[in-house]
Amino acid sequence: MPTDAQAAHRVEQQLRDFIRGGVSDALTRARAETPNLTPERVQGFVDAVYESAFAILQTLGEAEANE
């Protein structure tokens, strides 16, 4: 976690935007391919975006620890 509360809030906002945008983009692309999406396929998109978001948090945490 950043030691600065404002920096932590910025990271939170950026992460929220990343997740919202990533899921939205994945659903838009998938619907263009096939309009019938199964709940399992949608969950797969969500899981992939959250895994990417977690990787970003790990990278930020490591960078913060090295400062």
PDB file of N, CA and C in Angstrom:
ATOM      1  N   MET A   1       0.839  -1.185   0.000  1.00  0.00           N
ATOM      2  CA  MET A   1       0.000   0.000   0.000  1.00  0.00           C
ATOM      3  C   MET A   1       0.878   1.241   0.000  1.00  0.00           C
ATOM      4  N   PRO A   2       0.497   2.224  -0.766  1.00  0.00           N
ATOM      5  CA  PRO A   2       1.222   3.492  -0.697  1.00  0.00           C
ATOM      6  C   PRO A   2       1.059   4.105   0.696  1.00  0.00           C
ATOM      7  N   THR A   3       2.100   4.784   1.127  1.00  0.00           N
ATOM      8  CA  THR A   3       2.030   5.424   2.442  1.00  0.00           C
ATOM      9  C   THR A   3       1.165   6.673   2.396  1.00  0.00           C
ATOM     10  N   ASP A   4       1.001   7.265   1.260  1.00  0.00           N
ATOM     11  CA  ASP A   4       0.191   8.462   1.066  1.00  0.00           C
ATOM     12  C   ASP A   4      -1.253   8.055   0.772  1.00  0.00           C
ATOM     13  N   ALA A   5      -2.195   8.545   1.555  1.00  0.00           N
ATOM     14  CA  ALA A   5      -3.605   8.181   1.373  1.00  0.00           C
ATOM     15  C   ALA A   5      -4.126   8.619   0.015  1.00  0.00           C
ATOM     16  N   GLN A   6      -3.684   9.748  -0.475  1.00  0.00           N
ATOM     17  CA  GLN A   6      -4.135  10.220  -1.791  1.00  0.00           C
ATOM     18  C   GLN A   6      -3.624   9.309  -2.899  1.00  0.00           C
ATOM     19  N   ALA A   7      -2.397   8.842  -2.765  1.00  0.00           N
ATOM     20  CA  ALA A   7      -1.845   7.917  -3.763  1.00  0.00           C
ATOM     21  C   ALA A   7      -2.627   6.611  -3.749  1.00  0.00           C
ATOM     22  N   ALA A   8      -2.971   6.123  -2.569  1.00  0.00           N
ATOM     23  CA  ALA A   8      -3.766   4.894  -2.462  1.00  0.00           C
ATOM     24  C   ALA A   8      -5.121   5.079  -3.109  1.00  0.00           C
ATOM     25  N   HIS A   9      -5.718   6.239  -2.913  1.00  0.00           N
ATOM     26  CA  HIS A   9      -7.032   6.513  -3.518  1.00  0.00           C
ATOM     27  C   HIS A   9      -6.924   6.556  -5.039  1.00  0.00           C
ATOM     28  N   ARG A  10      -5.842   7.151  -5.555  1.00  0.00           N
ATOM     29  CA  ARG A  10      -5.646   7.196  -7.012  1.00  0.00           C
ATOM     30  C   ARG A  10      -5.498   5.785  -7.578  1.00  0.00           C
ATOM     31  N   VAL A  11      -4.741   4.946  -6.885  1.00  0.00           N
ATOM     32  CA  VAL A  11      -4.567   3.553  -7.328  1.00  0.00           C
ATOM     33  C   VAL A  11      -5.914   2.845  -7.338  1.00  0.00           C
ATOM     34  N   GLU A  12      -6.703   3.054  -6.288  1.00  0.00           N
ATOM     35  CA  GLU A  12      -8.031   2.438  -6.216  1.00  0.00           C
ATOM     36  C   GLU A  12      -8.908   2.875  -7.381  1.00  0.00           C
ATOM     37  N   GLN A  13      -8.916   4.160  -7.677  1.00  0.00           N
ATOM     38  CA  GLN A  13      -9.723   4.676  -8.791  1.00  0.00           C
ATOM     39  C   GLN A  13      -9.252   4.110 -10.126  1.00  0.00           C
ATOM     40  N   GLN A  14      -7.940   4.072 -10.324  1.00  0.00           N
ATOM     41  CA  GLN A  14      -7.390   3.552 -11.574  1.00  0.00           C
ATOM     42  C   GLN A  14      -7.718   2.074 -11.741  1.00  0.00           C
ATOM     43  N   LEU A  15      -7.634   1.337 -10.656  1.00  0.00           N
ATOM     44  CA  LEU A  15      -7.950  -0.083 -10.699  1.00  0.00           C
ATOM     45  C   LEU A  15      -9.421  -0.304 -11.023  1.00  0.00           C
ATOM     46  N   ARG A  16     -10.276   0.471 -10.404  1.00  0.00           N
ATOM     47  CA  ARG A  16     -11.719   0.368 -10.671  1.00  0.00           C
ATOM     48  C   ARG A  16     -12.006   0.662 -12.148  1.00  0.00           C
ATOM     49  N   ASP A  17     -11.387   1.718 -12.676  1.00  0.00           N
ATOM     50  CA  ASP A  17     -11.582   2.061 -14.092  1.00  0.00           C
ATOM     51  C   ASP A  17     -11.048   0.958 -14.998  1.00  0.00           C
ATOM     52  N   PHE A  18      -9.889   0.394 -14.643  1.00  0.00           N
ATOM     53  CA  PHE A  18      -9.298  -0.692 -15.429  1.00  0.00           C
ATOM     54  C   PHE A  18     -10.238  -1.892 -15.476  1.00  0.00           C
ATOM     55  N   ILE A  19     -10.759  -2.276 -14.323  1.00  0.00           N
ATOM     56  CA  ILE A  19     -11.640  -3.447 -14.257  1.00  0.00           C
ATOM     57  C   ILE A  19     -12.922  -3.191 -15.030  1.00  0.00           C
ATOM     58  N   ARG A  20     -13.546  -2.056 -14.794  1.00  0.00           N
ATOM     59  CA  ARG A  20     -14.801  -1.733 -15.487  1.00  0.00           C
ATOM     60  C   ARG A  20     -14.587  -1.709 -16.996  1.00  0.00           C
ATOM     61  N   GLY A  21     -13.515  -1.045 -17.434  1.00  0.00           N
ATOM     62  CA  GLY A  21     -13.226  -0.961 -18.869  1.00  0.00           C
ATOM     63  C   GLY A  21     -12.869  -2.298 -19.478  1.00  0.00           C
ATOM     64  N   GLY A  22     -12.079  -3.079 -18.758  1.00  0.00           N
ATOM     65  CA  GLY A  22     -11.675  -4.387 -19.267  1.00  0.00           C
ATOM     66  C   GLY A  22     -12.840  -5.333 -19.461  1.00  0.00           C
ATOM     67  N   VAL A  23     -13.729  -5.374 -18.483  1.00  0.00           N
ATOM     68  CA  VAL A  23     -14.910  -6.242 -18.587  1.00  0.00           C
ATOM     69  C   VAL A  23     -15.817  -5.743 -19.711  1.00  0.00           C
ATOM     70  N   SER A  24     -16.023  -4.436 -19.767  1.00  0.00           N
ATOM     71  CA  SER A  24     -16.881  -3.871 -20.817  1.00  0.00           C
ATOM     72  C   SER A  24     -16.324  -4.166 -22.206  1.00  0.00           C
ATOM     73  N   ASP A  25     -15.017  -3.967 -22.383  1.00  0.00           N
ATOM     74  CA  ASP A  25     -14.399  -4.227 -23.687  1.00  0.00           C
ATOM     75  C   ASP A  25     -14.501  -5.705 -24.065  1.00  0.00           C
ATOM     76  N   ALA A  26     -14.258  -6.590 -23.106  1.00  0.00           N
ATOM     77  CA  ALA A  26     -14.332  -8.026 -23.385  1.00  0.00           C
ATOM     78  C   ALA A  26     -15.748  -8.426 -23.787  1.00  0.00           C
ATOM     79  N   LEU A  27     -16.732  -7.893 -23.095  1.00  0.00           N
ATOM     80  CA  LEU A  27     -18.122  -8.220 -23.435  1.00  0.00           C
ATOM     81  C   LEU A  27     -18.507  -7.668 -24.804  1.00  0.00           C
ATOM     82  N   THR A  28     -18.052  -6.475 -25.116  1.00  0.00           N
ATOM     83  CA  THR A  28     -18.350  -5.882 -26.425  1.00  0.00           C
ATOM     84  C   THR A  28     -17.760  -6.729 -27.544  1.00  0.00           C
ATOM     85  N   ARG A  29     -16.495  -7.144 -27.376  1.00  0.00           N
ATOM     86  CA  ARG A  29     -15.856  -7.991 -28.403  1.00  0.00           C
ATOM     87  C   ARG A  29     -16.578  -9.334 -28.524  1.00  0.00           C
ATOM     88  N   ALA A  30     -16.930  -9.918 -27.409  1.00  0.00           N
ATOM     89  CA  ALA A  30     -17.587 -11.230 -27.432  1.00  0.00           C
ATOM     90  C   ALA A  30     -18.965 -11.144 -28.071  1.00  0.00           C
ATOM     91  N   ARG A  31     -19.693 -10.088 -27.780  1.00  0.00           N
ATOM     92  CA  ARG A  31     -21.027  -9.943 -28.370  1.00  0.00           C
ATOM     93  C   ARG A  31     -20.955  -9.736 -29.874  1.00  0.00           C
ATOM     94  N   ALA A  32     -19.868  -9.133 -30.351  1.00  0.00           N
ATOM     95  CA  ALA A  32     -19.694  -8.953 -31.790  1.00  0.00           C
ATOM     96  C   ALA A  32     -19.494 -10.313 -32.467  1.00  0.00           C
ATOM     97  N   GLU A  33     -18.848 -11.232 -31.751  1.00  0.00           N
ATOM     98  CA  GLU A  33     -18.614 -12.572 -32.296  1.00  0.00           C
ATOM     99  C   GLU A  33     -19.876 -13.422 -32.229  1.00  0.00           C
ATOM    100  N   THR A  34     -20.564 -13.376 -31.104  1.00  0.00           N
ATOM    101  CA  THR A  34     -21.782 -14.157 -30.918  1.00  0.00           C
ATOM    102  C   THR A  34     -22.656 -13.453 -29.882  1.00  0.00           C
ATOM    103  N   PRO A  35     -23.900 -13.194 -30.219  1.00  0.00           N
ATOM    104  CA  PRO A  35     -24.761 -12.458 -29.284  1.00  0.00           C
ATOM    105  C   PRO A  35     -25.197 -13.277 -28.056  1.00  0.00           C
ATOM    106  N   ASN A  36     -25.055 -14.594 -28.129  1.00  0.00           N
ATOM    107  CA  ASN A  36     -25.477 -15.453 -27.014  1.00  0.00           C
ATOM    108  C   ASN A  36     -24.277 -15.809 -26.139  1.00  0.00           C
ATOM    109  N   LEU A  37     -24.173 -15.140 -25.015  1.00  0.00           N
ATOM    110  CA  LEU A  37     -23.067 -15.401 -24.095  1.00  0.00           C
ATOM    111  C   LEU A  37     -23.571 -16.208 -22.913  1.00  0.00           C
ATOM    112  N   THR A  38     -22.834 -17.239 -22.591  1.00  0.00           N
ATOM    113  CA  THR A  38     -23.205 -18.050 -21.435  1.00  0.00           C
ATOM    114  C   THR A  38     -22.669 -17.381 -20.170  1.00  0.00           C
ATOM    115  N   PRO A  39     -23.289 -17.641 -19.046  1.00  0.00           N
ATOM    116  CA  PRO A  39     -22.766 -17.088 -17.781  1.00  0.00           C
ATOM    117  C   PRO A  39     -21.319 -17.512 -17.519  1.00  0.00           C
ATOM    118  N   GLU A  40     -20.975 -18.725 -17.926  1.00  0.00           N
ATOM    119  CA  GLU A  40     -19.609 -19.206 -17.728  1.00  0.00           C
ATOM    120  C   GLU A  40     -18.614 -18.399 -18.543  1.00  0.00           C
ATOM    121  N   ARG A  41     -18.980 -18.059 -19.759  1.00  0.00           N
ATOM    122  CA  ARG A  41     -18.089 -17.270 -20.615  1.00  0.00           C
ATOM    123  C   ARG A  41     -17.910 -15.860 -20.053  1.00  0.00           C
ATOM    124  N   VAL A  42     -19.002 -15.256 -19.600  1.00  0.00           N
ATOM    125  CA  VAL A  42     -18.930 -13.927 -18.989  1.00  0.00           C
ATOM    126  C   VAL A  42     -18.042 -13.980 -17.746  1.00  0.00           C
ATOM    127  N   GLN A  43     -18.221 -14.999 -16.929  1.00  0.00           N
ATOM    128  CA  GLN A  43     -17.400 -15.137 -15.726  1.00  0.00           C
ATOM    129  C   GLN A  43     -15.929 -15.283 -16.087  1.00  0.00           C
ATOM    130  N   GLY A  44     -15.660 -15.943 -17.188  1.00  0.00           N
ATOM    131  CA  GLY A  44     -14.278 -16.071 -17.656  1.00  0.00           C
ATOM    132  C   GLY A  44     -13.659 -14.718 -17.967  1.00  0.00           C
ATOM    133  N   PHE A  45     -14.438 -13.826 -18.606  1.00  0.00           N
ATOM    134  CA  PHE A  45     -13.941 -12.478 -18.892  1.00  0.00           C
ATOM    135  C   PHE A  45     -13.644 -11.739 -17.595  1.00  0.00           C
ATOM    136  N   VAL A  46     -14.576 -11.817 -16.678  1.00  0.00           N
ATOM    137  CA  VAL A  46     -14.428 -11.122 -15.396  1.00  0.00           C
ATOM    138  C   VAL A  46     -13.203 -11.654 -14.657  1.00  0.00           C
ATOM    139  N   ASP A  47     -13.060 -12.970 -14.603  1.00  0.00           N
ATOM    140  CA  ASP A  47     -11.911 -13.571 -13.920  1.00  0.00           C
ATOM    141  C   ASP A  47     -10.592 -13.113 -14.538  1.00  0.00           C
ATOM    142  N   ALA A  48     -10.522 -13.080 -15.860  1.00  0.00           N
ATOM    143  CA  ALA A  48      -9.294 -12.676 -16.543  1.00  0.00           C
ATOM    144  C   ALA A  48      -8.936 -11.229 -16.224  1.00  0.00           C
ATOM    145  N   VAL A  49      -9.929 -10.358 -16.203  1.00  0.00           N
ATOM    146  CA  VAL A  49      -9.670  -8.947 -15.903  1.00  0.00           C
ATOM    147  C   VAL A  49      -9.202  -8.792 -14.462  1.00  0.00           C
ATOM    148  N   TYR A  50      -9.844  -9.492 -13.537  1.00  0.00           N
ATOM    149  CA  TYR A  50      -9.432  -9.404 -12.133  1.00  0.00           C
ATOM    150  C   TYR A  50      -8.031  -9.985 -11.929  1.00  0.00           C
ATOM    151  N   GLU A  51      -7.673 -11.033 -12.660  1.00  0.00           N
ATOM    152  CA  GLU A  51      -6.318 -11.574 -12.573  1.00  0.00           C
ATOM    153  C   GLU A  51      -5.306 -10.543 -13.055  1.00  0.00           C
ATOM    154  N   SER A  52      -5.633  -9.838 -14.122  1.00  0.00           N
ATOM    155  CA  SER A  52      -4.752  -8.774 -14.617  1.00  0.00           C
ATOM    156  C   SER A  52      -4.642  -7.652 -13.588  1.00  0.00           C
ATOM    157  N   ALA A  53      -5.762  -7.293 -12.980  1.00  0.00           N
ATOM    158  CA  ALA A  53      -5.764  -6.232 -11.968  1.00  0.00           C
ATOM    159  C   ALA A  53      -4.893  -6.646 -10.776  1.00  0.00           C
ATOM    160  N   PHE A  54      -4.968  -7.900 -10.377  1.00  0.00           N
ATOM    161  CA  PHE A  54      -4.151  -8.384  -9.272  1.00  0.00           C
ATOM    162  C   PHE A  54      -2.672  -8.309  -9.622  1.00  0.00           C
ATOM    163  N   ALA A  55      -2.342  -8.654 -10.857  1.00  0.00           N
ATOM    164  CA  ALA A  55      -0.946  -8.585 -11.298  1.00  0.00           C
ATOM    165  C   ALA A  55      -0.447  -7.139 -11.256  1.00  0.00           C
ATOM    166  N   ILE A  56      -1.299  -6.200 -11.622  1.00  0.00           N
ATOM    167  CA  ILE A  56      -0.935  -4.784 -11.544  1.00  0.00           C
ATOM    168  C   ILE A  56      -0.678  -4.397 -10.098  1.00  0.00           C
ATOM    169  N   LEU A  57      -1.551  -4.829  -9.195  1.00  0.00           N
ATOM    170  CA  LEU A  57      -1.361  -4.515  -7.776  1.00  0.00           C
ATOM    171  C   LEU A  57      -0.056  -5.112  -7.248  1.00  0.00           C
ATOM    172  N   GLN A  58       0.259  -6.327  -7.660  1.00  0.00           N
ATOM    173  CA  GLN A  58       1.510  -6.945  -7.236  1.00  0.00           C
ATOM    174  C   GLN A  58       2.706  -6.115  -7.694  1.00  0.00           C
ATOM    175  N   THR A  59       2.677  -5.683  -8.939  1.00  0.00           N
ATOM    176  CA  THR A  59       3.761  -4.883  -9.491  1.00  0.00           C
ATOM    177  C   THR A  59       3.898  -3.561  -8.739  1.00  0.00           C
ATOM    178  N   LEU A  60       2.765  -2.910  -8.484  1.00  0.00           N
ATOM    179  CA  LEU A  60       2.798  -1.656  -7.732  1.00  0.00           C
ATOM    180  C   LEU A  60       3.320  -1.865  -6.320  1.00  0.00           C
ATOM    181  N   GLY A  61       2.900  -2.961  -5.698  1.00  0.00           N
ATOM    182  CA  GLY A  61       3.370  -3.254  -4.353  1.00  0.00           C
ATOM    183  C   GLY A  61       4.858  -3.505  -4.293  1.00  0.00           C
ATOM    184  N   GLU A  62       5.371  -4.225  -5.282  1.00  0.00           N
ATOM    185  CA  GLU A  62       6.798  -4.485  -5.339  1.00  0.00           C
ATOM    186  C   GLU A  62       7.579  -3.202  -5.563  1.00  0.00           C
ATOM    187  N   ALA A  63       7.067  -2.336  -6.431  1.00  0.00           N
ATOM    188  CA  ALA A  63       7.730  -1.058  -6.688  1.00  0.00           C
ATOM    189  C   ALA A  63       7.737  -0.202  -5.426  1.00  0.00           C
ATOM    190  N   GLU A  64       6.624  -0.210  -4.703  1.00  0.00           N
ATOM    191  CA  GLU A  64       6.517   0.561  -3.462  1.00  0.00           C
ATOM    192  C   GLU A  64       7.484   0.019  -2.414  1.00  0.00           C
ATOM    193  N   ALA A  65       7.636  -1.288  -2.338  1.00  0.00           N
ATOM    194  CA  ALA A  65       8.523  -1.901  -1.355  1.00  0.00           C
ATOM    195  C   ALA A  65      10.001  -1.595  -1.654  1.00  0.00           C
ATOM    196  N   ASN A  66      10.309  -1.401  -2.926  1.00  0.00           N
ATOM    197  CA  ASN A  66      11.688  -1.148  -3.328  1.00  0.00           C
ATOM    198  C   ASN A  66      12.102   0.309  -3.193  1.00  0.00           C
ATOM    199  N   GLU A  67      11.173   1.180  -2.846  1.00  0.00           N
ATOM    200  CA  GLU A  67      11.516   2.613  -2.731  1.00  0.00           C
ATOM    201  C   GLU A  67      12.139   2.917  -1.409  1.00  0.00           C
TER     202      GLU A  67
END
